[in-house]
Structure formats: structure tokens, C-alpha cells
Amino acid sequence: MITALDHLVIGGSAAAYETLLGRRASDGGLRTGNVGLRFDDGPAGLRSMTFATTDLEKEAKLLERRAVKTERTDDGVAFSGHGVAFGLFAGTGEAASPLASENAAAVVGLDHVVVRTPNPERAIAFYAGRLGLDLRLDRSNPQWGARLLFFRCGDLVVEIAHDLKKGISDGPDHLWGLSWRVPDIAAAAARLKTAGLDVSEPRDGRRPGSQVCTVKNGTEGVPTILIGGVGRW
């Protein structure tokens, strides 16, 4: 079974994310408490996500039985799902990268990764039915203009967002944005502003007791928010 999200690949440089996360890169990548980041020279933005499993061979065979075509790579398995690139890796992840600033001002982990879809029922069939992720929330809210699907993966969420105004289509899904956990959102926002990034003032989040702020640049094209006072959905 899939146990966690091991790492994400982002088009761009590790240097930008050293500043964003408040952590020092090692061998060109970074790792927070629950997910790693790798970088390539492709177009800016989120490129792919790789899941961890305790039994790579068993999980690869299960995906094949569920009509997910896989391809062997040097360190695991690659596959795609409605336009999104995925990987599968045997292991539980490496230690977090060292902090480059005080703990309260640095990112401690990923809260959720956002995928945009034109077809939420198709997404449920893929993420729950084929990947076996746990669907924790299915909520439509006209005020948000979206239907949100939250799939638990380890201690973070894969969020599938559908724009209600656009209706349903068979177009591709897109890896889109990231939400990072911080112990002290005011300290984190101040750290990033000092580093020259454009960061919004903290505001109340959707979850009771949470606050969020938007990071408007320095993210290599990845829509990004910081979230503090995090509780589980």
C-alpha cells in the first residue's frame, strides 16, 4: 500500500526553496519533516510527485491489475494519472534537511499538495479506487467556487480541486500548488519579507483556529501558502 508522499519534483532551483523553507539544501534537494523536494531544469512549477510504499513489487503489480500502466525506473516505478506524472518508491524517506533559521520561522512540513481537475468523479475513481488513498473530505462550497476532495496520504493531504464554474470535462488534471506548515506564521512571514519575498499579511484560514498567508514570488511558479495553527481535516 501507499504509505506517504515521499517527494515532489519542481522545475527550478533549490536556492529559491532554501529561502522559502528556511532549510539548507543537500545534494541539490531539500527535505522537510514529511516530504522531500527535488529540482530539475524543466519548466517552472510542480512537475511530479512520488509516493512511498513498503513493498514496491506488490504495489506495482496492484497498480497494473487496476489498469494503471507502470514503467520501471532506476529507483522505482513511474506512471501517470490523467495528465499528472507520478512515481513509486520503496522506503520511508530520509531525514529532514538542516534548518537555516530559528524553528518557529522555518517550514516544518507539507500540509497539502493541490491538484486541479476538470472531472472530480474521475479523480475519486483514480486516487481512491486505483491508488487506494483515503478520501477524508468531499465538499462543494459556492463561496469558494470549488468542489474539494481531500485524500489522506501519511500525515498530509492530496487535495483535488474542481472549479464549479467550468463544469465537467475530460481534460487533463494539473499539479498546481503547495501549502506548507509553520509553527509561527507571523515569524515565518517576517522572515520571508526580510529575505525580499512578497508575502501577504496572515489571515484566518478555512480550518477553525488556523491562519494562512500567501507567498507571491520566489516559489519557482508554484502557487504557495503558509499555514499556522494547523488541525486535521
Foldseek 3Di string as FASTA:
>chain_A
DFAFFAEWEFEDFVVLVCLQQQFDDDPRWFFAAGYIYHYDNDAGDTAAIETEDQDQVVLQVLLVVVVWDWDDDPAGIWTDDQAHTYTYGYDRYDHGGGGNDDQQQGFRFFAEWEKEALAVVSVCCPVCVRVNFAFDDWDDDVVVQWTWTWTDRHNHTYIYIYRNVVHHDSHGMGGAATETEGAHVVSNVVSSVVVPWDKADWDDDPDPQKIKIWTDDSRRRHGYMYMHRDDDD
